[in-house]
């Protein structure tokens, strides 16, 4: 299984050899080192790989002494964990890069949604609003928030409030192009998060052809 921690750079377009234009998001792979290998046989009771991203790139604050002892000399500003089926391929101190990825590979991307501040119910929850006709002086309001029973606002009711800054997962993004030397990945489509935000990429193990697949159809012979 291939995985990496990256930084979202920008969106652009990539031209395939066939001339097709593909909208892509450029992701910069961050230098990462394996900090801990968790196994189902050990005390952790599950298989996972914990990697550390360098402080200078991640831009995080200094760790506590307990975390520094866990790192054991590995320079990392952020710890990220990836679940894997087989941990025998990984060792502590191993460098993780994008060399294992290939063009056409499908990946799942996990990022943090942009913060949009205080938003109304229509923007936050995609409410339709009231009809734009007579008798509606507040067409974007949330409407009724309760009834006689249970005589209080129900917990979890969708209302106006803070929107964004939550974890979002976008599945099955395709690797259109990659530059292993520069550590750049081009993913087809939009990646969640803001520019220069940290994201997680995990391979699904599937590889599909890049671009449209045009099947040759035989012309029906007229009798």
N, C-alpha and C. Protein backbone atom coordinates (compact mmCIF):
# COMPACT_ATOMS: atom_id res chain seq x y z
N UNK A 1 0.85 -1.20 0.00
CA UNK A 1 0.00 0.00 0.00
C UNK A 1 0.88 1.24 0.00
N UNK A 2 0.59 2.17 -0.90
CA UNK A 2 1.33 3.42 -0.98
C UNK A 2 0.59 4.52 -0.22
N UNK A 3 1.33 5.32 0.51
CA UNK A 3 0.74 6.45 1.23
C UNK A 3 1.80 7.52 1.39
N UNK A 4 1.34 8.74 1.56
CA UNK A 4 2.24 9.88 1.70
C UNK A 4 1.48 11.05 2.31
N UNK A 5 2.21 11.93 2.97
CA UNK A 5 1.65 13.19 3.45
C UNK A 5 2.12 14.28 2.49
N UNK A 6 1.19 15.07 2.00
CA UNK A 6 1.53 16.08 1.00
C UNK A 6 1.01 17.45 1.37
N UNK A 7 1.40 18.41 0.55
CA UNK A 7 0.95 19.80 0.71
C UNK A 7 0.27 20.23 -0.58
N UNK A 8 -0.95 20.69 -0.47
CA UNK A 8 -1.71 21.13 -1.64
C UNK A 8 -1.13 22.45 -2.15
N UNK A 9 -0.75 22.47 -3.42
CA UNK A 9 -0.15 23.67 -4.00
C UNK A 9 -1.18 24.50 -4.76
N UNK A 10 -1.62 24.03 -5.90
CA UNK A 10 -2.54 24.79 -6.72
C UNK A 10 -3.22 23.87 -7.72
N UNK A 11 -4.19 24.41 -8.44
CA UNK A 11 -4.86 23.67 -9.51
C UNK A 11 -4.37 24.18 -10.86
N UNK A 12 -4.29 23.29 -11.82
CA UNK A 12 -3.85 23.64 -13.16
C UNK A 12 -4.46 22.63 -14.13
N UNK A 13 -3.95 22.58 -15.34
CA UNK A 13 -4.43 21.61 -16.32
C UNK A 13 -3.25 20.86 -16.92
N UNK A 14 -3.50 19.60 -17.22
CA UNK A 14 -2.46 18.73 -17.76
C UNK A 14 -2.91 18.20 -19.12
N UNK A 15 -2.00 18.27 -20.11
CA UNK A 15 -2.30 17.80 -21.45
C UNK A 15 -1.76 16.39 -21.64
N UNK A 16 -2.65 15.47 -22.00
CA UNK A 16 -2.24 14.10 -22.27
C UNK A 16 -1.67 13.98 -23.68
N UNK A 17 -1.07 12.85 -23.96
CA UNK A 17 -0.49 12.63 -25.29
C UNK A 17 -1.55 12.65 -26.37
N UNK A 18 -2.78 12.31 -26.01
CA UNK A 18 -3.87 12.30 -26.99
C UNK A 18 -4.42 13.69 -27.27
N UNK A 19 -3.94 14.69 -26.52
CA UNK A 19 -4.44 16.05 -26.66
C UNK A 19 -5.55 16.40 -25.70
N UNK A 20 -5.99 15.45 -24.91
CA UNK A 20 -7.06 15.70 -23.93
C UNK A 20 -6.54 16.54 -22.78
N UNK A 21 -7.35 17.50 -22.34
CA UNK A 21 -6.99 18.37 -21.23
C UNK A 21 -7.66 17.85 -19.96
N UNK A 22 -6.85 17.66 -18.91
CA UNK A 22 -7.36 17.12 -17.65
C UNK A 22 -7.13 18.14 -16.54
N UNK A 23 -8.16 18.57 -15.81
CA UNK A 23 -7.97 19.46 -14.66
C UNK A 23 -7.33 18.70 -13.51
N UNK A 24 -6.24 19.22 -12.97
CA UNK A 24 -5.50 18.51 -11.93
C UNK A 24 -5.18 19.44 -10.77
N UNK A 25 -4.91 18.83 -9.63
CA UNK A 25 -4.41 19.53 -8.45
C UNK A 25 -3.00 19.05 -8.17
N UNK A 26 -2.08 20.00 -8.01
CA UNK A 26 -0.67 19.67 -7.78
C UNK A 26 -0.44 19.51 -6.28
N UNK A 27 0.16 18.38 -5.90
CA UNK A 27 0.44 18.07 -4.50
C UNK A 27 1.94 17.85 -4.35
N UNK A 28 2.53 18.52 -3.37
CA UNK A 28 3.95 18.37 -3.07
C UNK A 28 4.11 17.37 -1.93
N UNK A 29 4.82 16.27 -2.20
CA UNK A 29 5.04 15.26 -1.18
C UNK A 29 6.04 15.77 -0.15
N UNK A 30 5.71 15.65 1.12
CA UNK A 30 6.58 16.13 2.19
C UNK A 30 7.53 15.02 2.65
N UNK A 31 8.79 15.37 2.94
CA UNK A 31 9.74 14.35 3.45
C UNK A 31 9.23 13.74 4.75
N UNK A 32 9.15 12.43 4.78
CA UNK A 32 8.60 11.75 5.94
C UNK A 32 9.44 10.53 6.28
N UNK A 33 9.44 10.19 7.58
CA UNK A 33 10.21 9.06 8.10
C UNK A 33 9.32 8.21 8.98
N UNK A 34 9.48 6.89 8.89
CA UNK A 34 8.70 5.98 9.73
C UNK A 34 9.17 6.11 11.18
N UNK A 35 8.24 6.45 12.06
CA UNK A 35 8.55 6.63 13.48
C UNK A 35 8.20 5.39 14.30
N UNK A 36 7.07 4.74 13.96
CA UNK A 36 6.63 3.58 14.73
C UNK A 36 5.88 2.61 13.82
N UNK A 37 6.10 1.33 14.05
CA UNK A 37 5.38 0.28 13.33
C UNK A 37 4.49 -0.44 14.33
N UNK A 38 3.18 -0.33 14.15
CA UNK A 38 2.22 -0.95 15.06
C UNK A 38 1.71 -2.25 14.44
N UNK A 39 1.65 -3.28 15.26
CA UNK A 39 1.22 -4.60 14.78
C UNK A 39 0.06 -5.12 15.61
N UNK A 40 -0.71 -6.00 14.98
CA UNK A 40 -1.85 -6.60 15.68
C UNK A 40 -1.40 -7.56 16.77
N UNK A 41 -0.19 -8.10 16.63
CA UNK A 41 0.32 -9.05 17.63
C UNK A 41 0.78 -8.32 18.88
N UNK A 42 1.28 -7.09 18.73
CA UNK A 42 1.79 -6.33 19.87
C UNK A 42 0.68 -5.72 20.72
N UNK A 43 1.07 -4.74 21.53
CA UNK A 43 0.13 -4.12 22.45
C UNK A 43 -0.87 -3.20 21.76
N UNK A 44 -0.56 -2.79 20.52
CA UNK A 44 -1.45 -1.87 19.82
C UNK A 44 -2.71 -2.56 19.29
N UNK A 45 -2.61 -3.88 18.99
CA UNK A 45 -3.74 -4.70 18.56
C UNK A 45 -4.26 -4.33 17.17
N UNK A 46 -3.49 -3.60 16.37
CA UNK A 46 -3.87 -3.32 14.99
C UNK A 46 -2.62 -2.95 14.19
N UNK A 47 -2.72 -3.10 12.87
CA UNK A 47 -1.59 -2.84 11.99
C UNK A 47 -1.66 -1.40 11.48
N UNK A 48 -0.59 -0.67 11.67
CA UNK A 48 -0.54 0.71 11.20
C UNK A 48 0.91 1.18 11.16
N UNK A 49 1.15 2.19 10.33
CA UNK A 49 2.46 2.81 10.22
C UNK A 49 2.33 4.28 10.61
N UNK A 50 3.15 4.68 11.58
CA UNK A 50 3.16 6.08 12.01
C UNK A 50 4.39 6.77 11.42
N UNK A 51 4.16 7.84 10.67
CA UNK A 51 5.27 8.57 10.05
C UNK A 51 5.32 9.98 10.61
N UNK A 52 6.51 10.56 10.56
CA UNK A 52 6.72 11.92 11.02
C UNK A 52 7.14 12.82 9.88
N UNK A 53 6.49 13.97 9.78
CA UNK A 53 6.81 14.96 8.75
C UNK A 53 7.73 16.00 9.35
N UNK A 54 8.72 16.46 8.58
CA UNK A 54 9.72 17.39 9.09
C UNK A 54 9.08 18.69 9.57
N UNK A 55 9.66 19.24 10.65
CA UNK A 55 9.11 20.43 11.27
C UNK A 55 9.18 21.64 10.35
N UNK A 56 10.28 21.78 9.61
CA UNK A 56 10.49 22.97 8.79
C UNK A 56 9.43 23.11 7.71
N UNK A 57 8.86 21.99 7.27
CA UNK A 57 7.85 22.04 6.21
C UNK A 57 6.44 22.02 6.79
N UNK A 58 6.22 21.20 7.80
CA UNK A 58 4.88 21.11 8.37
C UNK A 58 4.50 22.40 9.09
N UNK A 59 5.49 23.10 9.67
CA UNK A 59 5.22 24.37 10.33
C UNK A 59 4.51 24.24 11.66
N UNK A 60 4.67 23.13 12.36
CA UNK A 60 4.01 22.95 13.65
C UNK A 60 4.93 23.38 14.78
N UNK A 61 4.37 23.44 15.98
CA UNK A 61 5.12 23.88 17.15
C UNK A 61 5.98 22.74 17.70
N UNK A 62 6.82 23.07 18.66
CA UNK A 62 7.71 22.07 19.27
C UNK A 62 6.90 21.05 20.07
N UNK A 63 7.42 19.84 20.11
CA UNK A 63 6.74 18.76 20.82
C UNK A 63 7.08 18.80 22.31
N UNK A 64 6.28 18.06 23.09
CA UNK A 64 6.56 17.88 24.50
C UNK A 64 7.67 16.85 24.66
N UNK A 65 8.21 16.76 25.86
CA UNK A 65 9.32 15.83 26.11
C UNK A 65 8.89 14.38 25.90
N UNK A 66 7.65 14.07 26.24
CA UNK A 66 7.19 12.70 26.05
C UNK A 66 7.16 12.32 24.57
N UNK A 67 6.77 13.28 23.71
CA UNK A 67 6.73 13.01 22.27
C UNK A 67 8.14 12.97 21.71
N UNK A 68 9.03 13.81 22.21
CA UNK A 68 10.43 13.79 21.76
C UNK A 68 11.09 12.46 22.08
N UNK A 69 10.74 11.88 23.23
CA UNK A 69 11.27 10.56 23.57
C UNK A 69 10.71 9.48 22.65
N UNK A 70 9.48 9.68 22.21
CA UNK A 70 8.87 8.72 21.28
C UNK A 70 9.54 8.81 19.91
N UNK A 71 9.92 10.01 19.50
CA UNK A 71 10.55 10.19 18.19
C UNK A 71 11.97 9.63 18.15
N UNK A 72 12.70 9.69 19.27
CA UNK A 72 14.05 9.14 19.37
C UNK A 72 14.99 9.70 18.30
N UNK A 73 15.07 11.01 18.26
CA UNK A 73 16.02 11.66 17.35
C UNK A 73 15.50 11.94 15.96
N UNK A 74 14.32 11.46 15.61
CA UNK A 74 13.76 11.73 14.28
C UNK A 74 13.16 13.13 14.28
N UNK A 75 13.60 13.96 13.35
CA UNK A 75 13.08 15.33 13.25
C UNK A 75 11.72 15.31 12.57
N UNK A 76 10.68 15.57 13.35
CA UNK A 76 9.32 15.55 12.82
C UNK A 76 8.48 16.60 13.54
N UNK A 77 7.68 17.29 12.77
CA UNK A 77 6.80 18.29 13.36
C UNK A 77 5.36 17.83 13.45
N UNK A 78 5.04 16.77 12.73
CA UNK A 78 3.68 16.26 12.73
C UNK A 78 3.70 14.76 12.58
N UNK A 79 2.92 14.07 13.40
CA UNK A 79 2.82 12.61 13.34
C UNK A 79 1.51 12.22 12.66
N UNK A 80 1.61 11.37 11.66
CA UNK A 80 0.45 10.92 10.90
C UNK A 80 0.47 9.39 10.85
N UNK A 81 -0.69 8.77 10.99
CA UNK A 81 -0.79 7.32 11.03
C UNK A 81 -1.62 6.80 9.86
N UNK A 82 -1.15 5.72 9.26
CA UNK A 82 -1.83 5.09 8.14
C UNK A 82 -2.07 3.61 8.46
N UNK A 83 -3.31 3.13 8.36
CA UNK A 83 -3.58 1.70 8.56
C UNK A 83 -3.10 0.89 7.36
N UNK A 84 -2.43 -0.21 7.60
CA UNK A 84 -1.93 -1.08 6.54
C UNK A 84 -2.25 -2.54 6.92
N UNK A 85 -2.26 -3.41 5.90
CA UNK A 85 -2.52 -4.83 6.14
C UNK A 85 -1.25 -5.57 6.52
N UNK A 86 -0.13 -5.22 5.86
CA UNK A 86 1.13 -5.91 6.10
C UNK A 86 2.18 -4.90 6.55
N UNK A 87 2.73 -5.08 7.73
CA UNK A 87 3.74 -4.15 8.27
C UNK A 87 5.16 -4.66 8.10
N UNK A 88 5.34 -5.82 7.48
CA UNK A 88 6.67 -6.41 7.36
C UNK A 88 7.59 -5.61 6.42
N UNK A 89 7.01 -4.80 5.56
CA UNK A 89 7.81 -4.04 4.60
C UNK A 89 8.38 -2.76 5.18
N UNK A 90 8.01 -2.40 6.41
CA UNK A 90 8.40 -1.12 6.97
C UNK A 90 9.26 -1.30 8.21
N UNK A 91 10.22 -0.40 8.38
CA UNK A 91 11.08 -0.39 9.56
C UNK A 91 11.21 1.05 10.07
N UNK A 92 11.51 1.19 11.33
CA UNK A 92 11.67 2.52 11.93
C UNK A 92 12.88 3.21 11.31
N UNK A 93 12.69 4.45 10.90
CA UNK A 93 13.75 5.22 10.25
C UNK A 93 13.69 5.18 8.74
N UNK A 94 12.81 4.36 8.18
CA UNK A 94 12.68 4.26 6.72
C UNK A 94 12.07 5.54 6.16
N UNK A 95 12.60 6.02 5.03
CA UNK A 95 12.11 7.24 4.38
C UNK A 95 10.96 6.88 3.45
N UNK A 96 9.86 7.64 3.55
CA UNK A 96 8.68 7.44 2.72
C UNK A 96 8.64 8.51 1.64
N UNK A 97 8.52 8.09 0.36
CA UNK A 97 8.43 9.04 -0.75
C UNK A 97 7.37 8.54 -1.74
N UNK A 98 7.32 9.18 -2.91
CA UNK A 98 6.29 8.85 -3.90
C UNK A 98 6.81 7.87 -4.95
N UNK A 99 7.94 7.24 -4.69
CA UNK A 99 8.51 6.32 -5.68
C UNK A 99 7.58 5.14 -5.95
N UNK A 100 6.76 4.75 -4.97
CA UNK A 100 5.89 3.61 -5.16
C UNK A 100 4.64 3.90 -5.95
N UNK A 101 4.29 5.19 -6.12
CA UNK A 101 3.10 5.54 -6.88
C UNK A 101 3.37 5.40 -8.37
N UNK A 102 2.29 5.24 -9.14
CA UNK A 102 2.39 5.13 -10.59
C UNK A 102 1.25 5.88 -11.26
N UNK A 103 1.44 6.24 -12.51
CA UNK A 103 0.44 6.97 -13.26
C UNK A 103 -0.79 6.10 -13.46
N UNK A 104 -1.96 6.65 -13.21
CA UNK A 104 -3.20 5.92 -13.32
C UNK A 104 -3.69 5.32 -12.01
N UNK A 105 -2.89 5.39 -10.96
CA UNK A 105 -3.26 4.82 -9.66
C UNK A 105 -4.35 5.66 -9.00
N UNK A 106 -5.30 4.98 -8.37
CA UNK A 106 -6.40 5.64 -7.68
C UNK A 106 -6.05 5.81 -6.20
N UNK A 107 -6.28 7.02 -5.67
CA UNK A 107 -5.92 7.31 -4.29
C UNK A 107 -7.10 7.98 -3.59
N UNK A 108 -7.12 7.83 -2.26
CA UNK A 108 -8.06 8.54 -1.41
C UNK A 108 -7.34 9.70 -0.75
N UNK A 109 -7.98 10.86 -0.73
CA UNK A 109 -7.34 12.07 -0.22
C UNK A 109 -8.12 12.57 1.00
N UNK A 110 -7.40 12.82 2.09
CA UNK A 110 -8.00 13.32 3.33
C UNK A 110 -7.40 14.69 3.64
N UNK A 111 -8.26 15.69 3.77
CA UNK A 111 -7.81 17.05 4.05
C UNK A 111 -8.78 17.76 4.97
N UNK A 112 -8.44 18.99 5.32
CA UNK A 112 -9.29 19.82 6.18
C UNK A 112 -10.01 20.86 5.33
N UNK A 113 -11.32 20.88 5.43
CA UNK A 113 -12.14 21.79 4.65
C UNK A 113 -11.83 23.24 5.00
N UNK A 114 -11.94 24.12 4.02
CA UNK A 114 -11.73 25.54 4.26
C UNK A 114 -12.72 26.07 5.30
N UNK A 115 -12.25 26.95 6.16
CA UNK A 115 -13.12 27.59 7.13
C UNK A 115 -13.94 28.70 6.47
N UNK A 116 -15.25 28.67 6.66
CA UNK A 116 -16.13 29.65 6.04
C UNK A 116 -16.87 30.52 7.06
N UNK A 117 -16.41 30.48 8.30
CA UNK A 117 -16.99 31.36 9.31
C UNK A 117 -18.41 30.98 9.68
N UNK A 118 -19.15 31.97 10.15
CA UNK A 118 -20.55 31.77 10.56
C UNK A 118 -21.41 31.80 9.30
N UNK A 119 -22.10 30.70 9.02
CA UNK A 119 -22.91 30.59 7.81
C UNK A 119 -24.34 30.26 8.17
N UNK A 120 -25.26 30.68 7.30
CA UNK A 120 -26.67 30.42 7.51
C UNK A 120 -27.04 28.99 7.14
N UNK A 121 -28.31 28.66 7.36
CA UNK A 121 -28.76 27.29 7.13
C UNK A 121 -28.76 26.93 5.65
N UNK A 122 -29.01 27.90 4.77
CA UNK A 122 -29.06 27.60 3.34
C UNK A 122 -27.67 27.27 2.81
N UNK A 123 -26.67 27.98 3.24
CA UNK A 123 -25.31 27.73 2.77
C UNK A 123 -24.69 26.52 3.50
N UNK A 124 -24.97 26.41 4.78
CA UNK A 124 -24.34 25.37 5.59
C UNK A 124 -24.94 24.00 5.34
N UNK A 125 -26.26 23.94 5.20
CA UNK A 125 -26.94 22.64 5.07
C UNK A 125 -27.71 22.50 3.76
N UNK A 126 -27.56 23.44 2.85
CA UNK A 126 -28.19 23.37 1.54
C UNK A 126 -29.71 23.36 1.64
N UNK A 127 -30.26 24.20 2.54
CA UNK A 127 -31.71 24.33 2.63
C UNK A 127 -32.23 25.09 1.41
N UNK A 128 -33.47 24.82 1.03
CA UNK A 128 -34.06 25.48 -0.14
C UNK A 128 -34.54 26.89 0.16
N UNK A 129 -34.87 27.18 1.41
CA UNK A 129 -35.39 28.50 1.75
C UNK A 129 -36.89 28.59 1.49
N UNK A 130 -37.48 29.73 1.86
CA UNK A 130 -38.91 29.94 1.68
C UNK A 130 -39.21 30.44 0.27
N UNK A 131 -40.43 30.29 -0.18
CA UNK A 131 -40.78 30.81 -1.51
C UNK A 131 -40.60 32.32 -1.58
N UNK A 132 -40.10 32.80 -2.68
CA UNK A 132 -39.88 34.24 -2.86
C UNK A 132 -41.18 34.89 -3.32
N UNK A 133 -42.17 34.88 -2.44
CA UNK A 133 -43.48 35.43 -2.78
C UNK A 133 -43.99 36.26 -1.61
N UNK A 134 -45.28 36.62 -1.64
CA UNK A 134 -45.86 37.46 -0.60
C UNK A 134 -45.86 36.74 0.75
N UNK A 135 -45.61 37.50 1.78
CA UNK A 135 -45.71 36.96 3.12
C UNK A 135 -44.42 36.38 3.68
N UNK A 136 -43.30 36.45 2.95
CA UNK A 136 -42.03 35.91 3.42
C UNK A 136 -41.00 37.03 3.44
N UNK A 137 -40.87 37.64 4.60
CA UNK A 137 -39.91 38.75 4.73
C UNK A 137 -38.52 38.26 5.12
N UNK A 138 -38.39 36.97 5.49
CA UNK A 138 -37.09 36.38 5.81
C UNK A 138 -36.95 35.06 5.06
N UNK A 139 -36.74 35.12 3.75
CA UNK A 139 -36.76 33.88 2.95
C UNK A 139 -35.58 32.95 3.21
N UNK A 140 -34.51 33.41 3.88
CA UNK A 140 -33.34 32.57 4.13
C UNK A 140 -33.26 32.07 5.58
N UNK A 141 -34.32 32.29 6.35
CA UNK A 141 -34.30 31.86 7.75
C UNK A 141 -34.48 30.35 7.84
N UNK A 142 -34.19 29.79 9.02
CA UNK A 142 -34.21 28.35 9.21
C UNK A 142 -35.62 27.81 9.37
N UNK A 143 -36.56 28.65 9.77
CA UNK A 143 -37.93 28.18 9.94
C UNK A 143 -38.18 27.62 11.33
N UNK A 144 -39.12 26.72 11.46
CA UNK A 144 -39.48 26.14 12.75
C UNK A 144 -38.33 25.30 13.29
N UNK A 145 -38.06 25.43 14.58
CA UNK A 145 -36.97 24.67 15.21
C UNK A 145 -37.49 23.71 16.27
N UNK A 146 -38.81 23.52 16.37
CA UNK A 146 -39.32 22.60 17.37
C UNK A 146 -40.84 22.51 17.32
N UNK A 147 -41.40 21.79 18.28
CA UNK A 147 -42.84 21.61 18.38
C UNK A 147 -43.22 21.52 19.86
N UNK A 148 -44.47 21.22 20.14
CA UNK A 148 -44.92 21.22 21.55
C UNK A 148 -44.16 20.18 22.37
N UNK A 149 -43.93 19.01 21.81
CA UNK A 149 -43.12 18.00 22.50
C UNK A 149 -41.82 17.82 21.73
N UNK A 150 -40.66 17.81 22.35
CA UNK A 150 -40.37 17.71 23.79
C UNK A 150 -40.17 19.05 24.47
N UNK A 151 -40.68 20.13 23.90
CA UNK A 151 -40.67 21.46 24.52
C UNK A 151 -39.27 22.03 24.67
N UNK A 152 -38.36 21.59 23.80
CA UNK A 152 -37.04 22.20 23.74
C UNK A 152 -36.44 21.87 22.38
N UNK A 153 -35.42 22.60 22.00
CA UNK A 153 -34.78 22.38 20.71
C UNK A 153 -34.02 21.06 20.75
N UNK A 154 -34.28 20.19 19.79
CA UNK A 154 -33.64 18.88 19.76
C UNK A 154 -32.14 19.01 19.52
N UNK A 155 -31.38 18.14 20.14
CA UNK A 155 -29.93 18.15 19.99
C UNK A 155 -29.54 17.72 18.58
N UNK A 156 -28.64 18.45 17.96
CA UNK A 156 -28.19 18.13 16.62
C UNK A 156 -29.03 18.72 15.52
N UNK A 157 -29.98 19.59 15.85
CA UNK A 157 -30.83 20.19 14.83
C UNK A 157 -29.99 21.07 13.92
N UNK A 158 -30.22 20.96 12.62
CA UNK A 158 -29.43 21.71 11.65
C UNK A 158 -29.86 23.18 11.65
N UNK A 159 -28.94 24.03 12.06
CA UNK A 159 -29.20 25.46 12.15
C UNK A 159 -27.97 26.22 11.65
N UNK A 160 -28.04 27.53 11.72
CA UNK A 160 -26.89 28.36 11.35
C UNK A 160 -25.78 28.17 12.36
N UNK A 161 -24.54 28.31 11.92
CA UNK A 161 -23.40 28.15 12.83
C UNK A 161 -22.09 28.15 12.08
N UNK A 162 -21.03 27.78 12.77
CA UNK A 162 -19.69 27.76 12.16
C UNK A 162 -19.62 26.68 11.09
N UNK A 163 -19.07 27.05 9.95
CA UNK A 163 -19.00 26.13 8.82
C UNK A 163 -17.55 25.93 8.41
N UNK A 164 -17.20 24.70 8.11
CA UNK A 164 -15.85 24.39 7.63
C UNK A 164 -14.93 23.92 8.73
N UNK A 165 -13.63 23.83 8.39
CA UNK A 165 -12.56 23.38 9.29
C UNK A 165 -12.86 21.99 9.85
N UNK A 166 -13.41 21.11 9.02
CA UNK A 166 -13.66 19.72 9.41
C UNK A 166 -12.94 18.80 8.42
N UNK A 167 -12.68 17.58 8.85
CA UNK A 167 -11.98 16.63 7.99
C UNK A 167 -12.90 16.13 6.88
N UNK A 168 -12.36 16.16 5.65
CA UNK A 168 -13.12 15.73 4.48
C UNK A 168 -12.29 14.70 3.72
N UNK A 169 -12.93 13.63 3.27
CA UNK A 169 -12.27 12.59 2.49
C UNK A 169 -12.87 12.53 1.09
N UNK A 170 -12.03 12.66 0.08
CA UNK A 170 -12.44 12.52 -1.31
C UNK A 170 -11.81 11.23 -1.84
N UNK A 171 -12.64 10.32 -2.32
CA UNK A 171 -12.17 9.00 -2.73
C UNK A 171 -11.97 8.92 -4.24
N UNK A 172 -11.08 8.02 -4.63
CA UNK A 172 -10.85 7.66 -6.03
C UNK A 172 -10.43 8.84 -6.90
N UNK A 173 -9.40 9.55 -6.45
CA UNK A 173 -8.75 10.54 -7.31
C UNK A 173 -7.62 9.85 -8.05
N UNK A 174 -7.46 10.16 -9.32
CA UNK A 174 -6.48 9.45 -10.14
C UNK A 174 -5.19 10.25 -10.29
N UNK A 175 -4.06 9.54 -10.21
CA UNK A 175 -2.75 10.15 -10.42
C UNK A 175 -2.53 10.28 -11.93
N UNK A 176 -2.55 11.51 -12.42
CA UNK A 176 -2.40 11.76 -13.86
C UNK A 176 -0.94 11.83 -14.24
N UNK A 177 -0.13 12.46 -13.39
CA UNK A 177 1.30 12.59 -13.67
C UNK A 177 2.04 12.71 -12.35
N UNK A 178 3.32 12.33 -12.36
CA UNK A 178 4.14 12.47 -11.16
C UNK A 178 5.59 12.72 -11.53
N UNK A 179 6.27 13.42 -10.64
CA UNK A 179 7.70 13.72 -10.78
C UNK A 179 8.37 13.28 -9.49
N UNK A 180 8.97 12.09 -9.50
CA UNK A 180 9.56 11.53 -8.29
C UNK A 180 10.73 12.37 -7.80
N UNK A 181 11.48 12.98 -8.73
CA UNK A 181 12.64 13.77 -8.33
C UNK A 181 12.23 15.03 -7.58
N UNK A 182 11.19 15.70 -8.08
CA UNK A 182 10.71 16.92 -7.44
C UNK A 182 9.68 16.63 -6.35
N UNK A 183 9.18 15.40 -6.29
CA UNK A 183 8.19 15.04 -5.28
C UNK A 183 6.82 15.63 -5.55
N UNK A 184 6.43 15.72 -6.84
CA UNK A 184 5.15 16.32 -7.21
C UNK A 184 4.20 15.27 -7.76
N UNK A 185 2.95 15.37 -7.35
CA UNK A 185 1.88 14.51 -7.84
C UNK A 185 0.79 15.38 -8.43
N UNK A 186 0.25 14.96 -9.57
CA UNK A 186 -0.90 15.65 -10.18
C UNK A 186 -2.10 14.74 -10.09
N UNK A 187 -3.11 15.18 -9.35
CA UNK A 187 -4.31 14.38 -9.13
C UNK A 187 -5.47 14.96 -9.93
N UNK A 188 -6.18 14.08 -10.63
CA UNK A 188 -7.32 14.53 -11.42
C UNK A 188 -8.46 14.96 -10.51
N UNK A 189 -8.91 16.20 -10.68
CA UNK A 189 -10.02 16.71 -9.88
C UNK A 189 -9.56 17.63 -8.77
N UNK A 190 -10.46 17.90 -7.83
CA UNK A 190 -10.22 18.84 -6.75
C UNK A 190 -9.86 18.10 -5.46
N UNK A 191 -8.90 18.64 -4.75
CA UNK A 191 -8.45 18.08 -3.48
C UNK A 191 -9.01 18.95 -2.35
N UNK A 192 -9.53 18.36 -1.29
CA UNK A 192 -10.10 19.18 -0.21
C UNK A 192 -9.04 19.98 0.52
N UNK A 193 -9.45 21.12 1.07
CA UNK A 193 -8.54 21.94 1.84
C UNK A 193 -8.15 23.23 1.16
N UNK A 194 -7.31 23.98 1.83
CA UNK A 194 -6.86 25.28 1.34
C UNK A 194 -5.45 25.15 0.77
N UNK A 195 -5.01 26.16 0.07
CA UNK A 195 -3.68 26.14 -0.52
C UNK A 195 -2.62 26.06 0.58
N UNK A 196 -1.61 25.24 0.35
CA UNK A 196 -0.53 24.97 1.31
C UNK A 196 -1.01 24.18 2.52
N UNK A 197 -2.20 23.62 2.45
CA UNK A 197 -2.71 22.80 3.53
C UNK A 197 -2.15 21.39 3.47
N UNK A 198 -2.06 20.72 4.61
CA UNK A 198 -1.53 19.36 4.69
C UNK A 198 -2.64 18.35 4.39
N UNK A 199 -2.34 17.37 3.55
CA UNK A 199 -3.31 16.35 3.19
C UNK A 199 -2.66 14.98 3.28
N UNK A 200 -3.50 13.94 3.36
CA UNK A 200 -3.04 12.56 3.41
C UNK A 200 -3.49 11.85 2.13
N UNK A 201 -2.58 11.13 1.52
CA UNK A 201 -2.89 10.36 0.32
C UNK A 201 -2.69 8.88 0.60
N UNK A 202 -3.70 8.06 0.29
CA UNK A 202 -3.64 6.63 0.50
C UNK A 202 -4.09 5.92 -0.76
N UNK A 203 -3.28 5.00 -1.25
CA UNK A 203 -3.60 4.28 -2.47
C UNK A 203 -4.71 3.27 -2.21
N UNK A 204 -5.59 3.09 -3.20
CA UNK A 204 -6.65 2.10 -3.11
C UNK A 204 -6.22 0.76 -3.70
N UNK A 205 -5.05 0.73 -4.37
CA UNK A 205 -4.58 -0.50 -4.99
C UNK A 205 -5.10 -0.71 -6.40
N UNK A 206 -5.92 0.21 -6.90
CA UNK A 206 -6.47 0.09 -8.24
C UNK A 206 -5.72 1.02 -9.20
N UNK A 207 -5.54 0.56 -10.43
CA UNK A 207 -4.90 1.35 -11.48
C UNK A 207 -5.80 1.35 -12.70
N UNK A 208 -6.13 2.54 -13.19
CA UNK A 208 -7.00 2.68 -14.35
C UNK A 208 -6.31 3.51 -15.42
N UNK A 209 -6.66 3.32 -16.68
CA UNK A 209 -6.04 4.12 -17.75
C UNK A 209 -6.41 5.60 -17.61
N UNK A 210 -5.45 6.46 -17.91
CA UNK A 210 -5.66 7.90 -17.81
C UNK A 210 -6.33 8.39 -19.09
N UNK A 211 -7.35 9.22 -18.95
CA UNK A 211 -8.04 9.75 -20.11
C UNK A 211 -9.24 8.90 -20.50
N UNK A 212 -9.93 9.35 -21.51
CA UNK A 212 -11.11 8.65 -21.97
C UNK A 212 -10.73 7.40 -22.76
N UNK A 213 -11.43 6.32 -22.48
CA UNK A 213 -11.20 5.07 -23.19
C UNK A 213 -12.23 4.97 -24.32
N UNK A 214 -11.77 5.05 -25.55
CA UNK A 214 -12.66 5.01 -26.70
C UNK A 214 -12.66 3.60 -27.26
N UNK A 215 -13.77 2.95 -27.18
CA UNK A 215 -13.88 1.58 -27.68
C UNK A 215 -14.27 1.59 -29.16
N UNK A 216 -13.55 0.82 -29.92
CA UNK A 216 -13.83 0.75 -31.35
C UNK A 216 -15.09 -0.09 -31.58
N UNK A 217 -16.05 0.50 -32.22
CA UNK A 217 -17.31 -0.20 -32.49
C UNK A 217 -17.35 -0.60 -33.97
N UNK A 218 -17.65 -1.82 -34.16
CA UNK A 218 -17.75 -2.30 -35.53
C UNK A 218 -19.07 -1.86 -36.16
N UNK A 219 -18.96 -1.39 -37.37
CA UNK A 219 -20.15 -0.96 -38.07
C UNK A 219 -21.01 -2.15 -38.47
N UNK A 220 -22.25 -2.03 -38.21
CA UNK A 220 -23.16 -3.11 -38.55
C UNK A 220 -23.31 -3.18 -40.08
N UNK A 221 -23.13 -4.36 -40.57
CA UNK A 221 -23.27 -4.54 -42.01
C UNK A 221 -24.75 -4.60 -42.38
N UNK A 222 -25.02 -3.82 -43.36
CA UNK A 222 -26.40 -3.78 -43.82
C UNK A 222 -26.67 -5.01 -44.71
N UNK A 223 -27.72 -5.65 -44.36
CA UNK A 223 -28.08 -6.83 -45.14
C UNK A 223 -28.81 -6.41 -46.41
